[in-house]
Amino acid sequence: MRAIIDRPSAVQIKATIQVMNGAFPEALVGSYEDLIESLQLPDIDDRHVLAAAMSGGANVIVTENLEDFPSVILEQHGLDVLTADEFVLDTLRKYPIDAVEALRRMRLRYSNPPYGPEQLLQAMLRCGFARTVALLGPRVGSL
C-alpha cells in the first residue's frame, strides 16, 4: 500500500521486495526464459511478464499498461488482465471482511504521518482507485 500512497526510495523498494519474497515464496518464478521468444505482445519488452505468469501458474496479470497486455492475447494463455483498481475491487467483492481488515491493518501501520480512514481513501483515490474507493465509502468506519 505504501507504493500506492508514497513514492518509495530504492532502499524501501528493496526492503519491500524482501518482505514480499519472504511472505510469498511461491510467487517467485523461474525457468520462464525459454517461453519469451515464442510469445507475441504489442511491446516485445513485456513478453517476460507473460512468460513468468504462464510459468508460475498465474490466473491474472495486474497492470495499468492494458494496451501492451491485450485481453484477447492473454485469454489465449488462460490469463485475465486487470488494473490494480479492478483487482482490489474484485478482492473486496470476493472476500469483503478479510479485505477490509487487511486495508485497516495496513492503514494502522502508517505513523509518519498517520492515516485516518478518510485520508487512506483520499490517497487511494489520487492513485486511481476510484471504483474501490466508491465501494469502500460506506465502510469507511471499518477502515
N, C-alpha and C. Protein backbone atom coordinates (compact mmCIF):
# COMPACT_ATOMS: atom_id res chain seq x y z
N MET A 1 0.82 -1.18 0.00
CA MET A 1 0.00 0.00 0.00
C MET A 1 0.87 1.25 0.00
N ARG A 2 2.05 1.19 0.61
CA ARG A 2 2.92 2.36 0.63
C ARG A 2 3.25 2.81 -0.79
N ALA A 3 3.42 1.86 -1.72
CA ALA A 3 3.72 2.22 -3.10
C ALA A 3 2.56 2.97 -3.74
N ILE A 4 1.37 2.74 -3.24
CA ILE A 4 0.20 3.45 -3.76
C ILE A 4 0.18 4.87 -3.24
N ILE A 5 0.56 5.07 -2.02
CA ILE A 5 0.42 6.36 -1.36
C ILE A 5 1.65 7.25 -1.55
N ASP A 6 2.83 6.68 -1.38
CA ASP A 6 4.06 7.45 -1.44
C ASP A 6 4.95 6.91 -2.55
N ARG A 7 5.90 7.71 -2.97
CA ARG A 7 6.92 7.26 -3.90
C ARG A 7 8.08 6.73 -3.07
N PRO A 8 8.28 5.41 -3.05
CA PRO A 8 9.31 4.84 -2.19
C PRO A 8 10.71 5.05 -2.74
N SER A 9 11.68 5.05 -1.83
CA SER A 9 13.08 5.14 -2.21
C SER A 9 13.56 3.76 -2.65
N ALA A 10 14.76 3.70 -3.22
CA ALA A 10 15.33 2.42 -3.65
C ALA A 10 15.50 1.48 -2.46
N VAL A 11 15.87 2.02 -1.31
CA VAL A 11 16.04 1.20 -0.10
C VAL A 11 14.69 0.63 0.33
N GLN A 12 13.64 1.45 0.29
CA GLN A 12 12.31 0.98 0.66
C GLN A 12 11.81 -0.09 -0.31
N ILE A 13 12.10 0.09 -1.59
CA ILE A 13 11.69 -0.90 -2.59
C ILE A 13 12.39 -2.22 -2.33
N LYS A 14 13.69 -2.17 -2.07
CA LYS A 14 14.45 -3.40 -1.79
C LYS A 14 13.90 -4.10 -0.55
N ALA A 15 13.60 -3.35 0.49
CA ALA A 15 13.05 -3.92 1.72
C ALA A 15 11.68 -4.53 1.46
N THR A 16 10.87 -3.85 0.67
CA THR A 16 9.54 -4.37 0.34
C THR A 16 9.64 -5.67 -0.44
N ILE A 17 10.56 -5.72 -1.40
CA ILE A 17 10.76 -6.95 -2.18
C ILE A 17 11.17 -8.10 -1.26
N GLN A 18 12.06 -7.84 -0.31
CA GLN A 18 12.48 -8.89 0.61
C GLN A 18 11.32 -9.39 1.46
N VAL A 19 10.49 -8.47 1.94
CA VAL A 19 9.32 -8.86 2.74
C VAL A 19 8.35 -9.67 1.89
N MET A 20 8.10 -9.20 0.68
CA MET A 20 7.16 -9.91 -0.20
C MET A 20 7.68 -11.31 -0.55
N ASN A 21 8.96 -11.41 -0.86
CA ASN A 21 9.54 -12.72 -1.18
C ASN A 21 9.46 -13.67 0.01
N GLY A 22 9.64 -13.13 1.21
CA GLY A 22 9.54 -13.95 2.40
C GLY A 22 8.11 -14.38 2.69
N ALA A 23 7.17 -13.48 2.41
CA ALA A 23 5.76 -13.77 2.69
C ALA A 23 5.13 -14.66 1.62
N PHE A 24 5.61 -14.53 0.39
CA PHE A 24 5.01 -15.27 -0.72
C PHE A 24 6.09 -15.96 -1.56
N PRO A 25 6.82 -16.90 -0.98
CA PRO A 25 7.89 -17.54 -1.76
C PRO A 25 7.37 -18.26 -2.99
N GLU A 26 6.10 -18.67 -2.97
CA GLU A 26 5.53 -19.34 -4.14
C GLU A 26 5.35 -18.40 -5.32
N ALA A 27 5.44 -17.10 -5.08
CA ALA A 27 5.30 -16.13 -6.15
C ALA A 27 6.59 -15.94 -6.94
N LEU A 28 7.69 -16.46 -6.43
CA LEU A 28 8.95 -16.37 -7.16
C LEU A 28 8.92 -17.36 -8.31
N VAL A 29 9.15 -16.87 -9.52
CA VAL A 29 9.04 -17.69 -10.72
C VAL A 29 10.38 -17.77 -11.40
N GLY A 30 10.75 -18.96 -11.79
CA GLY A 30 11.97 -19.17 -12.56
C GLY A 30 11.67 -20.06 -13.75
N SER A 31 12.65 -20.27 -14.56
CA SER A 31 12.55 -21.16 -15.72
C SER A 31 11.45 -20.75 -16.69
N TYR A 32 11.31 -19.49 -16.93
CA TYR A 32 10.33 -19.00 -17.89
C TYR A 32 10.99 -18.42 -19.13
N GLU A 33 12.30 -18.26 -19.08
CA GLU A 33 13.03 -17.57 -20.15
C GLU A 33 12.84 -18.23 -21.52
N ASP A 34 12.73 -19.55 -21.56
CA ASP A 34 12.57 -20.25 -22.84
C ASP A 34 11.25 -19.93 -23.53
N LEU A 35 10.27 -19.46 -22.79
CA LEU A 35 8.97 -19.12 -23.38
C LEU A 35 8.96 -17.76 -24.07
N ILE A 36 9.83 -16.87 -23.65
CA ILE A 36 9.76 -15.47 -24.05
C ILE A 36 9.72 -15.30 -25.57
N GLU A 37 10.63 -15.93 -26.28
CA GLU A 37 10.73 -15.71 -27.73
C GLU A 37 9.50 -16.16 -28.49
N SER A 38 8.74 -17.12 -27.96
CA SER A 38 7.57 -17.64 -28.66
C SER A 38 6.32 -16.80 -28.45
N LEU A 39 6.38 -15.81 -27.58
CA LEU A 39 5.19 -15.03 -27.23
C LEU A 39 5.08 -13.75 -28.06
N GLN A 40 3.84 -13.35 -28.29
CA GLN A 40 3.57 -12.14 -29.05
C GLN A 40 2.79 -11.16 -28.18
N LEU A 41 3.33 -9.98 -28.03
CA LEU A 41 2.65 -8.87 -27.35
C LEU A 41 2.96 -7.60 -28.13
N PRO A 42 2.15 -6.56 -27.99
CA PRO A 42 2.44 -5.32 -28.70
C PRO A 42 3.83 -4.74 -28.39
N ASP A 43 4.27 -4.87 -27.16
CA ASP A 43 5.61 -4.42 -26.78
C ASP A 43 6.43 -5.67 -26.45
N ILE A 44 7.38 -5.99 -27.31
CA ILE A 44 8.16 -7.22 -27.11
C ILE A 44 8.93 -7.23 -25.80
N ASP A 45 9.18 -6.05 -25.25
CA ASP A 45 9.89 -5.96 -23.98
C ASP A 45 9.03 -6.38 -22.79
N ASP A 46 7.74 -6.65 -23.01
CA ASP A 46 6.84 -7.10 -21.95
C ASP A 46 6.61 -8.61 -21.97
N ARG A 47 7.19 -9.30 -22.94
CA ARG A 47 6.94 -10.73 -23.07
C ARG A 47 7.39 -11.53 -21.86
N HIS A 48 8.42 -11.06 -21.17
CA HIS A 48 8.89 -11.78 -19.98
C HIS A 48 7.82 -11.82 -18.89
N VAL A 49 6.97 -10.79 -18.82
CA VAL A 49 5.90 -10.76 -17.83
C VAL A 49 4.89 -11.87 -18.12
N LEU A 50 4.49 -11.98 -19.38
CA LEU A 50 3.57 -13.03 -19.78
C LEU A 50 4.19 -14.41 -19.58
N ALA A 51 5.44 -14.56 -19.94
CA ALA A 51 6.13 -15.85 -19.77
C ALA A 51 6.19 -16.24 -18.30
N ALA A 52 6.52 -15.30 -17.43
CA ALA A 52 6.59 -15.60 -15.99
C ALA A 52 5.21 -15.94 -15.45
N ALA A 53 4.18 -15.22 -15.89
CA ALA A 53 2.82 -15.51 -15.43
C ALA A 53 2.40 -16.91 -15.85
N MET A 54 2.70 -17.28 -17.08
CA MET A 54 2.36 -18.62 -17.56
C MET A 54 3.12 -19.69 -16.80
N SER A 55 4.41 -19.48 -16.63
CA SER A 55 5.26 -20.45 -15.95
C SER A 55 4.88 -20.59 -14.49
N GLY A 56 4.46 -19.50 -13.87
CA GLY A 56 4.12 -19.52 -12.46
C GLY A 56 2.69 -19.94 -12.17
N GLY A 57 1.92 -20.21 -13.20
CA GLY A 57 0.55 -20.65 -13.00
C GLY A 57 -0.40 -19.55 -12.56
N ALA A 58 -0.09 -18.32 -12.95
CA ALA A 58 -0.96 -17.19 -12.58
C ALA A 58 -2.29 -17.27 -13.31
N ASN A 59 -3.28 -16.63 -12.75
CA ASN A 59 -4.59 -16.52 -13.39
C ASN A 59 -4.82 -15.14 -13.99
N VAL A 60 -4.04 -14.18 -13.51
CA VAL A 60 -4.27 -12.79 -13.90
C VAL A 60 -2.95 -12.02 -13.90
N ILE A 61 -2.86 -11.06 -14.80
CA ILE A 61 -1.78 -10.08 -14.78
C ILE A 61 -2.41 -8.76 -14.36
N VAL A 62 -1.86 -8.15 -13.32
CA VAL A 62 -2.36 -6.87 -12.82
C VAL A 62 -1.42 -5.79 -13.34
N THR A 63 -1.98 -4.87 -14.12
CA THR A 63 -1.17 -3.82 -14.73
C THR A 63 -2.05 -2.63 -15.10
N GLU A 64 -1.44 -1.48 -15.17
CA GLU A 64 -2.12 -0.30 -15.70
C GLU A 64 -1.82 -0.18 -17.19
N ASN A 65 -0.94 -1.01 -17.69
CA ASN A 65 -0.48 -0.98 -19.07
C ASN A 65 -1.34 -1.92 -19.93
N LEU A 66 -2.63 -1.64 -20.02
CA LEU A 66 -3.56 -2.52 -20.71
C LEU A 66 -3.30 -2.60 -22.21
N GLU A 67 -2.79 -1.53 -22.79
CA GLU A 67 -2.51 -1.53 -24.23
C GLU A 67 -1.49 -2.60 -24.61
N ASP A 68 -0.52 -2.83 -23.75
CA ASP A 68 0.54 -3.79 -24.07
C ASP A 68 0.23 -5.20 -23.59
N PHE A 69 -0.92 -5.38 -22.91
CA PHE A 69 -1.36 -6.70 -22.46
C PHE A 69 -2.82 -6.90 -22.86
N PRO A 70 -3.08 -6.99 -24.18
CA PRO A 70 -4.47 -7.12 -24.65
C PRO A 70 -5.12 -8.39 -24.13
N SER A 71 -6.35 -8.26 -23.65
CA SER A 71 -7.04 -9.43 -23.09
C SER A 71 -7.21 -10.52 -24.12
N VAL A 72 -7.37 -10.17 -25.40
CA VAL A 72 -7.54 -11.19 -26.44
C VAL A 72 -6.30 -12.09 -26.55
N ILE A 73 -5.13 -11.54 -26.31
CA ILE A 73 -3.90 -12.34 -26.33
C ILE A 73 -3.76 -13.12 -25.04
N LEU A 74 -3.98 -12.46 -23.91
CA LEU A 74 -3.83 -13.15 -22.63
C LEU A 74 -4.81 -14.30 -22.48
N GLU A 75 -6.02 -14.13 -22.99
CA GLU A 75 -7.02 -15.20 -22.91
C GLU A 75 -6.55 -16.47 -23.61
N GLN A 76 -5.76 -16.32 -24.66
CA GLN A 76 -5.21 -17.48 -25.38
C GLN A 76 -4.29 -18.31 -24.48
N HIS A 77 -3.78 -17.67 -23.44
CA HIS A 77 -2.88 -18.33 -22.50
C HIS A 77 -3.54 -18.59 -21.15
N GLY A 78 -4.86 -18.45 -21.11
CA GLY A 78 -5.61 -18.73 -19.89
C GLY A 78 -5.46 -17.67 -18.81
N LEU A 79 -5.15 -16.45 -19.22
CA LEU A 79 -4.95 -15.36 -18.26
C LEU A 79 -5.94 -14.23 -18.48
N ASP A 80 -6.29 -13.57 -17.40
CA ASP A 80 -7.06 -12.34 -17.46
C ASP A 80 -6.10 -11.18 -17.20
N VAL A 81 -6.53 -9.99 -17.56
CA VAL A 81 -5.76 -8.79 -17.26
C VAL A 81 -6.68 -7.83 -16.52
N LEU A 82 -6.17 -7.28 -15.41
CA LEU A 82 -6.93 -6.35 -14.58
C LEU A 82 -6.05 -5.16 -14.21
N THR A 83 -6.69 -4.00 -14.06
CA THR A 83 -5.98 -2.88 -13.47
C THR A 83 -5.88 -3.12 -11.97
N ALA A 84 -5.05 -2.37 -11.30
CA ALA A 84 -4.94 -2.52 -9.84
C ALA A 84 -6.28 -2.23 -9.17
N ASP A 85 -6.99 -1.23 -9.66
CA ASP A 85 -8.30 -0.90 -9.10
C ASP A 85 -9.25 -2.08 -9.27
N GLU A 86 -9.28 -2.67 -10.45
CA GLU A 86 -10.15 -3.82 -10.69
C GLU A 86 -9.78 -5.00 -9.80
N PHE A 87 -8.48 -5.22 -9.62
CA PHE A 87 -8.01 -6.33 -8.80
C PHE A 87 -8.43 -6.17 -7.34
N VAL A 88 -8.23 -4.99 -6.79
CA VAL A 88 -8.60 -4.74 -5.40
C VAL A 88 -10.12 -4.79 -5.25
N LEU A 89 -10.83 -4.23 -6.21
CA LEU A 89 -12.29 -4.27 -6.20
C LEU A 89 -12.79 -5.71 -6.21
N ASP A 90 -12.22 -6.54 -7.06
CA ASP A 90 -12.59 -7.95 -7.14
C ASP A 90 -12.31 -8.65 -5.82
N THR A 91 -11.16 -8.36 -5.23
CA THR A 91 -10.81 -8.96 -3.94
C THR A 91 -11.80 -8.55 -2.86
N LEU A 92 -12.17 -7.27 -2.84
CA LEU A 92 -13.15 -6.78 -1.87
C LEU A 92 -14.52 -7.45 -2.04
N ARG A 93 -14.89 -7.69 -3.27
CA ARG A 93 -16.19 -8.33 -3.52
C ARG A 93 -16.18 -9.81 -3.11
N LYS A 94 -15.06 -10.48 -3.35
CA LYS A 94 -14.98 -11.91 -3.04
C LYS A 94 -14.74 -12.17 -1.56
N TYR A 95 -13.96 -11.31 -0.94
CA TYR A 95 -13.56 -11.51 0.47
C TYR A 95 -13.74 -10.21 1.24
N PRO A 96 -14.94 -9.70 1.36
CA PRO A 96 -15.13 -8.35 1.93
C PRO A 96 -14.59 -8.19 3.34
N ILE A 97 -14.83 -9.13 4.21
CA ILE A 97 -14.39 -8.99 5.60
C ILE A 97 -12.86 -9.02 5.68
N ASP A 98 -12.25 -10.00 5.06
CA ASP A 98 -10.79 -10.12 5.09
C ASP A 98 -10.11 -8.94 4.41
N ALA A 99 -10.64 -8.52 3.26
CA ALA A 99 -10.01 -7.43 2.52
C ALA A 99 -10.09 -6.10 3.27
N VAL A 100 -11.25 -5.81 3.85
CA VAL A 100 -11.38 -4.56 4.62
C VAL A 100 -10.46 -4.61 5.84
N GLU A 101 -10.38 -5.75 6.49
CA GLU A 101 -9.48 -5.88 7.65
C GLU A 101 -8.02 -5.71 7.24
N ALA A 102 -7.65 -6.24 6.08
CA ALA A 102 -6.27 -6.07 5.60
C ALA A 102 -5.97 -4.60 5.33
N LEU A 103 -6.91 -3.90 4.71
CA LEU A 103 -6.72 -2.46 4.47
C LEU A 103 -6.63 -1.69 5.78
N ARG A 104 -7.45 -2.06 6.76
CA ARG A 104 -7.41 -1.39 8.07
C ARG A 104 -6.05 -1.60 8.72
N ARG A 105 -5.54 -2.85 8.69
CA ARG A 105 -4.23 -3.12 9.29
C ARG A 105 -3.12 -2.36 8.57
N MET A 106 -3.20 -2.28 7.26
CA MET A 106 -2.18 -1.52 6.51
C MET A 106 -2.25 -0.05 6.89
N ARG A 107 -3.46 0.49 6.99
CA ARG A 107 -3.61 1.90 7.35
C ARG A 107 -3.02 2.18 8.72
N LEU A 108 -3.22 1.27 9.66
CA LEU A 108 -2.73 1.47 11.02
C LEU A 108 -1.21 1.43 11.12
N ARG A 109 -0.56 0.85 10.13
CA ARG A 109 0.91 0.82 10.12
C ARG A 109 1.52 2.19 9.83
N TYR A 110 0.74 3.07 9.22
CA TYR A 110 1.26 4.40 8.91
C TYR A 110 1.31 5.24 10.18
N SER A 111 2.50 5.71 10.47
CA SER A 111 2.64 6.51 11.68
C SER A 111 3.26 7.87 11.41
N ASN A 112 3.86 8.05 10.26
CA ASN A 112 4.55 9.30 9.98
C ASN A 112 4.30 9.73 8.54
N PRO A 113 3.22 10.38 8.23
CA PRO A 113 2.12 10.75 9.12
C PRO A 113 1.13 9.61 9.25
N PRO A 114 0.35 9.62 10.32
CA PRO A 114 -0.70 8.62 10.44
C PRO A 114 -1.81 8.89 9.43
N TYR A 115 -2.46 7.85 9.00
CA TYR A 115 -3.58 7.97 8.06
C TYR A 115 -4.87 7.57 8.77
N GLY A 116 -5.83 8.47 8.74
CA GLY A 116 -7.17 8.11 9.17
C GLY A 116 -7.88 7.42 8.02
N PRO A 117 -9.03 6.83 8.27
CA PRO A 117 -9.75 6.14 7.19
C PRO A 117 -10.03 7.03 5.98
N GLU A 118 -10.46 8.25 6.22
CA GLU A 118 -10.77 9.16 5.12
C GLU A 118 -9.51 9.52 4.34
N GLN A 119 -8.40 9.70 5.05
CA GLN A 119 -7.14 10.04 4.38
C GLN A 119 -6.66 8.88 3.51
N LEU A 120 -6.86 7.66 3.98
CA LEU A 120 -6.49 6.50 3.18
C LEU A 120 -7.31 6.47 1.90
N LEU A 121 -8.62 6.69 2.02
CA LEU A 121 -9.47 6.69 0.83
C LEU A 121 -9.08 7.81 -0.13
N GLN A 122 -8.74 8.97 0.39
CA GLN A 122 -8.33 10.08 -0.48
C GLN A 122 -7.02 9.75 -1.20
N ALA A 123 -6.09 9.14 -0.49
CA ALA A 123 -4.83 8.74 -1.12
C ALA A 123 -5.07 7.70 -2.20
N MET A 124 -5.94 6.74 -1.92
CA MET A 124 -6.26 5.72 -2.91
C MET A 124 -6.95 6.34 -4.13
N LEU A 125 -7.80 7.31 -3.89
CA LEU A 125 -8.48 7.99 -4.98
C LEU A 125 -7.49 8.73 -5.87
N ARG A 126 -6.53 9.42 -5.24
CA ARG A 126 -5.49 10.13 -6.01
C ARG A 126 -4.67 9.18 -6.86
N CYS A 127 -4.58 7.93 -6.43
CA CYS A 127 -3.76 6.94 -7.14
C CYS A 127 -4.56 6.11 -8.15
N GLY A 128 -5.81 6.48 -8.37
CA GLY A 128 -6.57 5.83 -9.41
C GLY A 128 -7.48 4.70 -8.98
N PHE A 129 -7.75 4.58 -7.69
CA PHE A 129 -8.59 3.52 -7.18
C PHE A 129 -10.03 4.01 -6.97
N ALA A 130 -10.58 4.69 -7.98
CA ALA A 130 -11.89 5.32 -7.85
C ALA A 130 -13.00 4.31 -7.56
N ARG A 131 -13.02 3.20 -8.26
CA ARG A 131 -14.09 2.22 -8.07
C ARG A 131 -13.96 1.55 -6.70
N THR A 132 -12.73 1.28 -6.27
CA THR A 132 -12.51 0.69 -4.96
C THR A 132 -12.97 1.66 -3.87
N VAL A 133 -12.61 2.91 -4.01
CA VAL A 133 -12.99 3.92 -3.02
C VAL A 133 -14.52 4.05 -2.97
N ALA A 134 -15.17 3.99 -4.12
CA ALA A 134 -16.63 4.07 -4.15
C ALA A 134 -17.26 2.92 -3.38
N LEU A 135 -16.70 1.73 -3.52
CA LEU A 135 -17.21 0.58 -2.79
C LEU A 135 -16.92 0.68 -1.29
N LEU A 136 -15.73 1.21 -0.96
CA LEU A 136 -15.33 1.30 0.45
C LEU A 136 -15.99 2.47 1.18
N GLY A 137 -16.44 3.47 0.47
CA GLY A 137 -17.02 4.67 1.10
C GLY A 137 -17.97 4.38 2.24
N PRO A 138 -18.99 3.54 2.01
CA PRO A 138 -19.93 3.25 3.09
C PRO A 138 -19.30 2.46 4.24
N ARG A 139 -18.15 1.87 4.02
CA ARG A 139 -17.47 1.07 5.05
C ARG A 139 -16.32 1.84 5.69
N VAL A 140 -16.27 3.15 5.47
CA VAL A 140 -15.12 3.92 5.95
C VAL A 140 -14.89 3.73 7.44
N GLY A 141 -15.92 3.53 8.21
CA GLY A 141 -15.77 3.32 9.64
C GLY A 141 -15.05 2.02 9.97
N SER A 142 -15.05 1.08 9.05
CA SER A 142 -14.37 -0.21 9.27
C SER A 142 -12.88 -0.14 8.98
N LEU A 143 -12.47 0.93 8.31
CA LEU A 143 -11.06 1.05 7.93
C LEU A 143 -10.29 1.65 9.08
